[in-house]
Amino acid sequence: MSDIASNDDSGLGPPDVAADERWMRHAFALADHAEQAFDEIPVGAVLVGADGRLLGEGWNRNIADHDPSAHAEIMAMREAGRTLGNHRLVGSTLYVTLEPCAMCAMALVHARVARLVYGAADPKTGACGSVFDLLADPRHNHRVEVRGGVLGEEAGRRLSNYFRAKRGKPPL
């Protein structure tokens, strides 16, 4: 199921569903890397420019780096900023396997990311529509278009299976 939030004033037009799914699969590969190489919670993110060029990618590294801010989204935005030589990521789209938390949602606003595409909703800390919606607040000086649920069932199953394995349970 896909969901487009009402806070879109980006003028980007309708989503390219095939591109969204392709980039989400790239984010899945990064999430797999986080789990297999670092035993991190498997969340992956990619930041793509308006021209379709990969600007940055990341995966959760907060445990490995001893850094509570090293979420996949932040890591991808840091790399994109270095790639562009600019802290503003205007016109870009962030693809992430899990709905961003409050910290990551506000980083999207500060970086002027145009669009967010996420896989699984986060019923515990989701800040882009699930628990609360920071991106829809009219007081912000920037709006981020939000599309949630892209390959959401697969994204949710991957995360559930990670936590099931941690508890010694079989995968779904």
N, C-alpha and C. Protein backbone atom coordinates (compact mmCIF):
# COMPACT_ATOMS: atom_id res chain seq x y z
N MET A 1 0.84 -1.19 0.00
CA MET A 1 0.00 0.00 0.00
C MET A 1 0.88 1.24 0.00
N SER A 2 0.57 2.19 -0.84
CA SER A 2 1.30 3.44 -0.89
C SER A 2 0.43 4.57 -0.37
N ASP A 3 1.10 5.55 0.17
CA ASP A 3 0.39 6.65 0.79
C ASP A 3 1.16 7.93 0.51
N ILE A 4 0.51 8.92 -0.05
CA ILE A 4 1.17 10.20 -0.28
C ILE A 4 0.58 11.20 0.69
N ALA A 5 1.43 11.79 1.49
CA ALA A 5 0.98 12.75 2.50
C ALA A 5 0.53 14.05 1.85
N SER A 6 -0.28 14.78 2.58
CA SER A 6 -0.85 16.02 2.06
C SER A 6 0.09 17.21 2.19
N ASN A 7 1.29 17.00 2.69
CA ASN A 7 2.19 18.13 2.88
C ASN A 7 3.08 18.39 1.68
N ASP A 8 2.63 17.99 0.50
CA ASP A 8 3.42 18.15 -0.71
C ASP A 8 3.17 19.51 -1.35
N ASP A 9 4.19 20.33 -1.37
CA ASP A 9 4.13 21.55 -2.18
C ASP A 9 5.39 21.63 -3.04
N SER A 10 5.94 20.45 -3.35
CA SER A 10 7.22 20.39 -4.06
C SER A 10 7.10 20.62 -5.55
N GLY A 11 5.91 20.38 -6.11
CA GLY A 11 5.75 20.50 -7.55
C GLY A 11 6.47 19.41 -8.32
N LEU A 12 6.76 18.29 -7.67
CA LEU A 12 7.51 17.22 -8.32
C LEU A 12 6.67 16.37 -9.25
N GLY A 13 5.35 16.45 -9.15
CA GLY A 13 4.49 15.64 -9.99
C GLY A 13 4.30 14.25 -9.43
N PRO A 14 3.63 13.38 -10.21
CA PRO A 14 3.34 12.04 -9.71
C PRO A 14 4.61 11.21 -9.54
N PRO A 15 4.59 10.28 -8.58
CA PRO A 15 5.79 9.47 -8.34
C PRO A 15 6.05 8.48 -9.48
N ASP A 16 7.31 8.19 -9.70
CA ASP A 16 7.74 7.16 -10.64
C ASP A 16 7.83 5.87 -9.83
N VAL A 17 6.77 5.07 -9.88
CA VAL A 17 6.66 3.88 -9.04
C VAL A 17 7.81 2.91 -9.28
N ALA A 18 8.17 2.69 -10.54
CA ALA A 18 9.26 1.75 -10.85
C ALA A 18 10.58 2.24 -10.26
N ALA A 19 10.86 3.53 -10.39
CA ALA A 19 12.10 4.07 -9.82
C ALA A 19 12.07 3.99 -8.31
N ASP A 20 10.92 4.29 -7.71
CA ASP A 20 10.82 4.20 -6.25
C ASP A 20 11.12 2.79 -5.77
N GLU A 21 10.58 1.79 -6.46
CA GLU A 21 10.83 0.40 -6.05
C GLU A 21 12.28 0.00 -6.29
N ARG A 22 12.85 0.46 -7.39
CA ARG A 22 14.26 0.13 -7.68
C ARG A 22 15.18 0.70 -6.60
N TRP A 23 14.98 1.96 -6.24
CA TRP A 23 15.81 2.57 -5.20
C TRP A 23 15.55 1.94 -3.83
N MET A 24 14.30 1.54 -3.58
CA MET A 24 14.01 0.88 -2.30
C MET A 24 14.75 -0.45 -2.22
N ARG A 25 14.84 -1.16 -3.33
CA ARG A 25 15.59 -2.43 -3.32
C ARG A 25 17.07 -2.17 -3.05
N HIS A 26 17.59 -1.07 -3.56
CA HIS A 26 18.97 -0.69 -3.25
C HIS A 26 19.11 -0.45 -1.74
N ALA A 27 18.13 0.22 -1.15
CA ALA A 27 18.13 0.45 0.30
C ALA A 27 18.04 -0.87 1.07
N PHE A 28 17.27 -1.83 0.54
CA PHE A 28 17.20 -3.16 1.17
C PHE A 28 18.58 -3.81 1.21
N ALA A 29 19.34 -3.68 0.12
CA ALA A 29 20.69 -4.27 0.08
C ALA A 29 21.58 -3.63 1.15
N LEU A 30 21.44 -2.33 1.37
CA LEU A 30 22.21 -1.66 2.41
C LEU A 30 21.78 -2.11 3.80
N ALA A 31 20.48 -2.32 3.96
CA ALA A 31 19.97 -2.83 5.24
C ALA A 31 20.54 -4.22 5.52
N ASP A 32 20.58 -5.06 4.49
CA ASP A 32 21.17 -6.39 4.64
C ASP A 32 22.64 -6.28 5.08
N HIS A 33 23.35 -5.33 4.49
CA HIS A 33 24.76 -5.11 4.85
C HIS A 33 24.88 -4.70 6.32
N ALA A 34 24.00 -3.83 6.76
CA ALA A 34 24.03 -3.39 8.17
C ALA A 34 23.89 -4.58 9.11
N GLU A 35 22.97 -5.47 8.76
CA GLU A 35 22.73 -6.64 9.61
C GLU A 35 23.88 -7.64 9.54
N GLN A 36 24.31 -7.96 8.33
CA GLN A 36 25.30 -9.02 8.16
C GLN A 36 26.71 -8.60 8.57
N ALA A 37 27.10 -7.38 8.25
CA ALA A 37 28.46 -6.94 8.54
C ALA A 37 28.63 -6.33 9.92
N PHE A 38 27.56 -5.74 10.46
CA PHE A 38 27.70 -4.99 11.71
C PHE A 38 26.73 -5.42 12.81
N ASP A 39 25.84 -6.36 12.51
CA ASP A 39 24.78 -6.77 13.44
C ASP A 39 23.97 -5.57 13.93
N GLU A 40 23.76 -4.63 13.03
CA GLU A 40 22.93 -3.45 13.30
C GLU A 40 21.49 -3.76 12.93
N ILE A 41 20.57 -2.98 13.47
CA ILE A 41 19.18 -3.07 13.02
C ILE A 41 19.18 -2.77 11.53
N PRO A 42 18.60 -3.67 10.71
CA PRO A 42 18.73 -3.54 9.25
C PRO A 42 17.86 -2.45 8.64
N VAL A 43 18.40 -1.24 8.65
CA VAL A 43 17.76 -0.11 7.98
C VAL A 43 18.77 0.45 6.99
N GLY A 44 18.34 0.65 5.75
CA GLY A 44 19.20 1.21 4.72
C GLY A 44 18.55 2.43 4.10
N ALA A 45 19.37 3.35 3.59
CA ALA A 45 18.86 4.57 2.98
C ALA A 45 19.74 5.00 1.82
N VAL A 46 19.11 5.56 0.79
CA VAL A 46 19.83 6.15 -0.33
C VAL A 46 19.25 7.53 -0.61
N LEU A 47 20.11 8.44 -0.99
CA LEU A 47 19.67 9.78 -1.35
C LEU A 47 20.01 9.99 -2.82
N VAL A 48 18.99 10.33 -3.60
CA VAL A 48 19.10 10.43 -5.05
C VAL A 48 18.80 11.86 -5.48
N GLY A 49 19.62 12.39 -6.36
CA GLY A 49 19.41 13.75 -6.85
C GLY A 49 18.24 13.83 -7.82
N ALA A 50 17.81 15.04 -8.10
CA ALA A 50 16.70 15.25 -9.03
C ALA A 50 17.01 14.69 -10.42
N ASP A 51 18.30 14.58 -10.75
CA ASP A 51 18.72 14.04 -12.03
C ASP A 51 18.81 12.51 -12.03
N GLY A 52 18.46 11.87 -10.91
CA GLY A 52 18.49 10.42 -10.81
C GLY A 52 19.83 9.85 -10.38
N ARG A 53 20.77 10.71 -10.05
CA ARG A 53 22.12 10.27 -9.65
C ARG A 53 22.15 9.94 -8.17
N LEU A 54 22.80 8.84 -7.83
CA LEU A 54 23.00 8.47 -6.43
C LEU A 54 23.97 9.46 -5.80
N LEU A 55 23.51 10.14 -4.74
CA LEU A 55 24.33 11.14 -4.06
C LEU A 55 24.95 10.61 -2.78
N GLY A 56 24.24 9.71 -2.12
CA GLY A 56 24.74 9.17 -0.86
C GLY A 56 23.94 7.95 -0.46
N GLU A 57 24.58 7.11 0.32
CA GLU A 57 23.90 5.93 0.84
C GLU A 57 24.39 5.68 2.26
N GLY A 58 23.57 4.97 3.02
CA GLY A 58 23.95 4.69 4.39
C GLY A 58 23.11 3.57 4.97
N TRP A 59 23.58 3.09 6.08
CA TRP A 59 22.87 2.07 6.84
C TRP A 59 23.09 2.41 8.31
N ASN A 60 22.26 1.81 9.15
CA ASN A 60 22.40 2.08 10.58
C ASN A 60 23.80 1.72 11.04
N ARG A 61 24.43 2.65 11.76
CA ARG A 61 25.77 2.45 12.30
C ARG A 61 25.86 2.93 13.74
N ASN A 62 24.73 3.18 14.38
CA ASN A 62 24.78 3.76 15.72
C ASN A 62 25.44 2.85 16.74
N ILE A 63 25.28 1.54 16.61
CA ILE A 63 25.92 0.61 17.55
C ILE A 63 27.42 0.53 17.23
N ALA A 64 27.75 0.28 15.97
CA ALA A 64 29.15 0.13 15.57
C ALA A 64 29.96 1.40 15.80
N ASP A 65 29.35 2.55 15.57
CA ASP A 65 30.06 3.82 15.70
C ASP A 65 29.89 4.47 17.07
N HIS A 66 29.11 3.84 17.95
CA HIS A 66 28.84 4.42 19.28
C HIS A 66 28.30 5.85 19.11
N ASP A 67 27.36 5.99 18.18
CA ASP A 67 26.85 7.31 17.81
C ASP A 67 25.33 7.23 17.67
N PRO A 68 24.60 7.81 18.61
CA PRO A 68 23.14 7.72 18.55
C PRO A 68 22.53 8.42 17.34
N SER A 69 23.30 9.28 16.67
CA SER A 69 22.77 9.96 15.48
C SER A 69 23.09 9.23 14.18
N ALA A 70 23.79 8.12 14.23
CA ALA A 70 24.24 7.43 13.01
C ALA A 70 23.16 6.52 12.44
N HIS A 71 21.98 7.08 12.24
CA HIS A 71 20.90 6.34 11.58
C HIS A 71 21.18 6.33 10.08
N ALA A 72 20.56 5.38 9.38
CA ALA A 72 20.79 5.23 7.94
C ALA A 72 20.54 6.52 7.17
N GLU A 73 19.46 7.23 7.52
CA GLU A 73 19.11 8.47 6.82
C GLU A 73 20.19 9.52 7.01
N ILE A 74 20.67 9.66 8.23
CA ILE A 74 21.70 10.66 8.53
C ILE A 74 22.99 10.32 7.79
N MET A 75 23.35 9.04 7.79
CA MET A 75 24.58 8.62 7.10
C MET A 75 24.49 8.92 5.60
N ALA A 76 23.32 8.65 4.99
CA ALA A 76 23.14 8.93 3.56
C ALA A 76 23.21 10.43 3.29
N MET A 77 22.59 11.24 4.16
CA MET A 77 22.63 12.69 3.97
C MET A 77 24.04 13.25 4.17
N ARG A 78 24.78 12.69 5.12
CA ARG A 78 26.17 13.14 5.32
C ARG A 78 27.00 12.89 4.07
N GLU A 79 26.85 11.68 3.50
CA GLU A 79 27.61 11.36 2.29
C GLU A 79 27.18 12.25 1.12
N ALA A 80 25.88 12.48 0.99
CA ALA A 80 25.38 13.34 -0.09
C ALA A 80 25.91 14.76 0.05
N GLY A 81 25.95 15.26 1.27
CA GLY A 81 26.49 16.60 1.50
C GLY A 81 27.94 16.70 1.07
N ARG A 82 28.72 15.66 1.38
CA ARG A 82 30.12 15.64 0.95
C ARG A 82 30.22 15.55 -0.58
N THR A 83 29.35 14.73 -1.18
CA THR A 83 29.34 14.58 -2.64
C THR A 83 29.07 15.91 -3.33
N LEU A 84 28.08 16.64 -2.81
CA LEU A 84 27.67 17.90 -3.42
C LEU A 84 28.49 19.10 -2.94
N GLY A 85 29.20 18.93 -1.83
CA GLY A 85 29.89 20.06 -1.24
C GLY A 85 28.92 21.10 -0.71
N ASN A 86 27.78 20.62 -0.20
CA ASN A 86 26.74 21.53 0.27
C ASN A 86 25.87 20.80 1.29
N HIS A 87 25.46 21.52 2.32
CA HIS A 87 24.57 20.92 3.32
C HIS A 87 23.12 20.94 2.86
N ARG A 88 22.81 21.66 1.81
CA ARG A 88 21.47 21.69 1.24
C ARG A 88 21.37 20.62 0.16
N LEU A 89 20.37 19.80 0.28
CA LEU A 89 20.19 18.68 -0.65
C LEU A 89 18.92 18.91 -1.47
N VAL A 90 18.81 20.10 -2.01
CA VAL A 90 17.62 20.57 -2.72
C VAL A 90 17.29 19.67 -3.91
N GLY A 91 16.01 19.32 -4.04
CA GLY A 91 15.55 18.53 -5.16
C GLY A 91 15.78 17.04 -5.02
N SER A 92 16.36 16.60 -3.92
CA SER A 92 16.70 15.19 -3.76
C SER A 92 15.55 14.39 -3.16
N THR A 93 15.67 13.07 -3.30
CA THR A 93 14.72 12.13 -2.71
C THR A 93 15.49 11.17 -1.82
N LEU A 94 15.00 10.99 -0.60
CA LEU A 94 15.58 10.02 0.32
C LEU A 94 14.70 8.78 0.33
N TYR A 95 15.30 7.63 0.07
CA TYR A 95 14.63 6.33 0.14
C TYR A 95 15.16 5.63 1.38
N VAL A 96 14.26 5.15 2.23
CA VAL A 96 14.68 4.47 3.46
C VAL A 96 13.71 3.34 3.75
N THR A 97 14.25 2.25 4.27
CA THR A 97 13.45 1.05 4.48
C THR A 97 12.47 1.15 5.64
N LEU A 98 12.69 2.09 6.56
CA LEU A 98 11.82 2.27 7.73
C LEU A 98 11.48 3.75 7.87
N GLU A 99 10.25 4.04 8.21
CA GLU A 99 9.81 5.42 8.43
C GLU A 99 10.76 6.14 9.38
N PRO A 100 11.20 7.34 9.02
CA PRO A 100 12.14 8.07 9.86
C PRO A 100 11.60 8.44 11.24
N CYS A 101 12.53 8.52 12.19
CA CYS A 101 12.24 9.00 13.54
C CYS A 101 12.22 10.53 13.52
N ALA A 102 11.98 11.14 14.66
CA ALA A 102 11.91 12.60 14.75
C ALA A 102 13.23 13.26 14.35
N MET A 103 14.35 12.72 14.82
CA MET A 103 15.65 13.30 14.48
C MET A 103 15.86 13.30 12.97
N CYS A 104 15.60 12.17 12.33
CA CYS A 104 15.84 12.06 10.90
C CYS A 104 14.84 12.88 10.09
N ALA A 105 13.59 12.93 10.54
CA ALA A 105 12.58 13.74 9.85
C ALA A 105 12.98 15.21 9.84
N MET A 106 13.45 15.70 10.97
CA MET A 106 13.84 17.11 11.03
C MET A 106 15.11 17.37 10.24
N ALA A 107 16.00 16.39 10.15
CA ALA A 107 17.19 16.55 9.31
C ALA A 107 16.78 16.71 7.85
N LEU A 108 15.74 16.00 7.42
CA LEU A 108 15.23 16.16 6.05
C LEU A 108 14.78 17.59 5.80
N VAL A 109 14.09 18.17 6.76
CA VAL A 109 13.63 19.55 6.64
C VAL A 109 14.83 20.49 6.56
N HIS A 110 15.77 20.34 7.47
CA HIS A 110 16.94 21.24 7.49
C HIS A 110 17.79 21.12 6.23
N ALA A 111 17.86 19.92 5.65
CA ALA A 111 18.65 19.71 4.44
C ALA A 111 17.89 20.09 3.17
N ARG A 112 16.62 20.39 3.31
CA ARG A 112 15.76 20.76 2.18
C ARG A 112 15.57 19.62 1.19
N VAL A 113 15.52 18.39 1.71
CA VAL A 113 15.21 17.23 0.87
C VAL A 113 13.80 17.43 0.32
N ALA A 114 13.60 17.17 -0.96
CA ALA A 114 12.30 17.41 -1.58
C ALA A 114 11.30 16.31 -1.29
N ARG A 115 11.79 15.08 -1.18
CA ARG A 115 10.87 13.95 -1.16
C ARG A 115 11.43 12.85 -0.28
N LEU A 116 10.54 12.19 0.45
CA LEU A 116 10.86 11.03 1.27
C LEU A 116 10.03 9.86 0.80
N VAL A 117 10.68 8.72 0.57
CA VAL A 117 9.99 7.48 0.24
C VAL A 117 10.46 6.45 1.25
N TYR A 118 9.51 5.89 2.02
CA TYR A 118 9.91 4.88 3.00
C TYR A 118 9.12 3.59 2.79
N GLY A 119 9.70 2.50 3.31
CA GLY A 119 9.09 1.19 3.20
C GLY A 119 8.10 0.93 4.31
N ALA A 120 8.59 0.42 5.43
CA ALA A 120 7.72 0.05 6.55
C ALA A 120 7.41 1.24 7.44
N ALA A 121 6.17 1.32 7.87
CA ALA A 121 5.79 2.31 8.88
C ALA A 121 6.40 1.87 10.21
N ASP A 122 6.69 2.85 11.08
CA ASP A 122 7.24 2.55 12.40
C ASP A 122 6.22 2.92 13.47
N PRO A 123 5.51 1.92 14.00
CA PRO A 123 4.45 2.20 14.97
C PRO A 123 4.95 2.64 16.34
N LYS A 124 6.26 2.61 16.55
CA LYS A 124 6.80 3.02 17.86
C LYS A 124 7.39 4.42 17.83
N THR A 125 8.17 4.74 16.80
CA THR A 125 8.82 6.05 16.76
C THR A 125 8.68 6.76 15.42
N GLY A 126 7.79 6.31 14.57
CA GLY A 126 7.61 6.93 13.26
C GLY A 126 7.16 8.38 13.36
N ALA A 127 7.90 9.27 12.72
CA ALA A 127 7.62 10.70 12.82
C ALA A 127 7.14 11.30 11.50
N CYS A 128 6.72 10.44 10.57
CA CYS A 128 6.26 10.93 9.27
C CYS A 128 4.85 10.44 8.97
N GLY A 129 4.08 10.24 10.02
CA GLY A 129 2.68 9.86 9.85
C GLY A 129 2.19 8.76 10.76
N SER A 130 3.06 7.89 11.26
CA SER A 130 2.60 6.77 12.07
C SER A 130 2.28 7.16 13.50
N VAL A 131 3.27 7.63 14.24
CA VAL A 131 3.05 8.05 15.63
C VAL A 131 2.67 9.52 15.64
N PHE A 132 3.41 10.33 14.91
CA PHE A 132 3.09 11.73 14.70
C PHE A 132 3.69 12.13 13.36
N ASP A 133 3.38 13.33 12.90
CA ASP A 133 3.84 13.74 11.57
C ASP A 133 4.52 15.10 11.62
N LEU A 134 5.81 15.06 11.90
CA LEU A 134 6.57 16.30 11.96
C LEU A 134 6.64 17.02 10.62
N LEU A 135 6.63 16.25 9.54
CA LEU A 135 6.81 16.86 8.22
C LEU A 135 5.59 17.64 7.76
N ALA A 136 4.44 17.40 8.36
CA ALA A 136 3.21 18.10 7.97
C ALA A 136 2.99 19.38 8.74
N ASP A 137 3.83 19.68 9.70
CA ASP A 137 3.65 20.87 10.52
C ASP A 137 3.78 22.13 9.66
N PRO A 138 2.75 22.96 9.62
CA PRO A 138 2.78 24.14 8.75
C PRO A 138 3.76 25.22 9.19
N ARG A 139 4.33 25.09 10.37
CA ARG A 139 5.27 26.09 10.86
C ARG A 139 6.67 25.95 10.25
N HIS A 140 6.94 24.82 9.59
CA HIS A 140 8.26 24.64 8.97
C HIS A 140 8.40 25.55 7.75
N ASN A 141 9.64 25.90 7.46
CA ASN A 141 9.92 26.73 6.29
C ASN A 141 10.19 25.90 5.04
N HIS A 142 9.99 24.59 5.13
CA HIS A 142 10.21 23.69 4.00
C HIS A 142 9.23 22.53 4.11
N ARG A 143 8.73 22.07 2.99
CA ARG A 143 7.84 20.92 2.94
C ARG A 143 8.54 19.76 2.24
N VAL A 144 8.33 18.58 2.77
CA VAL A 144 8.87 17.35 2.18
C VAL A 144 7.69 16.51 1.72
N GLU A 145 7.68 16.14 0.46
CA GLU A 145 6.66 15.21 -0.05
C GLU A 145 6.95 13.84 0.56
N VAL A 146 5.92 13.15 1.03
CA VAL A 146 6.11 11.85 1.68
C VAL A 146 5.32 10.78 0.95
N ARG A 147 5.99 9.68 0.64
CA ARG A 147 5.33 8.50 0.09
C ARG A 147 5.76 7.32 0.96
N GLY A 148 4.83 6.76 1.69
CA GLY A 148 5.12 5.63 2.57
C GLY A 148 4.56 4.34 2.02
N GLY A 149 5.06 3.24 2.52
CA GLY A 149 4.54 1.93 2.16
C GLY A 149 5.10 1.35 0.88
N VAL A 150 6.16 1.90 0.33
CA VAL A 150 6.75 1.35 -0.89
C VAL A 150 7.49 0.07 -0.53
N LEU A 151 7.02 -1.04 -1.07
CA LEU A 151 7.52 -2.37 -0.71
C LEU A 151 7.44 -2.55 0.81
N GLY A 152 6.41 -1.96 1.39
CA GLY A 152 6.25 -1.91 2.84
C GLY A 152 6.12 -3.26 3.51
N GLU A 153 5.39 -4.18 2.89
CA GLU A 153 5.24 -5.51 3.50
C GLU A 153 6.59 -6.21 3.58
N GLU A 154 7.35 -6.14 2.50
CA GLU A 154 8.68 -6.77 2.50
C GLU A 154 9.60 -6.08 3.52
N ALA A 155 9.55 -4.76 3.56
CA ALA A 155 10.39 -4.02 4.51
C ALA A 155 10.03 -4.39 5.94
N GLY A 156 8.75 -4.47 6.24
CA GLY A 156 8.30 -4.83 7.58
C GLY A 156 8.69 -6.25 7.95
N ARG A 157 8.55 -7.16 6.99
CA ARG A 157 8.91 -8.56 7.23
C ARG A 157 10.41 -8.70 7.52
N ARG A 158 11.23 -7.97 6.79
CA ARG A 158 12.68 -8.03 7.01
C ARG A 158 13.03 -7.59 8.43
N LEU A 159 12.43 -6.49 8.87
CA LEU A 159 12.69 -6.00 10.23
C LEU A 159 12.15 -6.96 11.28
N SER A 160 10.96 -7.47 11.06
CA SER A 160 10.38 -8.44 12.01
C SER A 160 11.25 -9.67 12.13
N ASN A 161 11.74 -10.16 11.01
CA ASN A 161 12.59 -11.35 11.04
C ASN A 161 13.91 -11.11 11.76
N TYR A 162 14.46 -9.90 11.64
CA TYR A 162 15.67 -9.56 12.37
C TYR A 162 15.42 -9.68 13.88
N PHE A 163 14.35 -9.07 14.34
CA PHE A 163 14.05 -9.09 15.77
C PHE A 163 13.62 -10.49 16.23
N ARG A 164 12.94 -11.24 15.37
CA ARG A 164 12.57 -12.62 15.71
C ARG A 164 13.84 -13.46 15.90
N ALA A 165 14.81 -13.29 15.01
CA ALA A 165 16.06 -14.04 15.13
C ALA A 165 16.78 -13.69 16.43
N LYS A 166 16.74 -12.43 16.82
CA LYS A 166 17.37 -12.01 18.08
C LYS A 166 16.73 -12.71 19.27
N ARG A 167 15.46 -13.05 19.14
CA ARG A 167 14.73 -13.71 20.22
C ARG A 167 14.68 -15.23 20.06
N GLY A 168 15.43 -15.75 19.07
CA GLY A 168 15.48 -17.19 18.85
C GLY A 168 14.23 -17.77 18.21
N LYS A 169 13.47 -16.94 17.52
CA LYS A 169 12.24 -17.40 16.86
C LYS A 169 12.48 -17.58 15.37
N PRO A 170 11.70 -18.46 14.72
CA PRO A 170 11.86 -18.66 13.28
C PRO A 170 11.34 -17.45 12.49
N PRO A 171 11.85 -17.28 11.27
CA PRO A 171 11.37 -16.16 10.44
C PRO A 171 9.91 -16.35 10.03
N LEU A 172 9.30 -15.24 9.68
CA LEU A 172 7.91 -15.27 9.20
C LEU A 172 7.84 -15.79 7.78
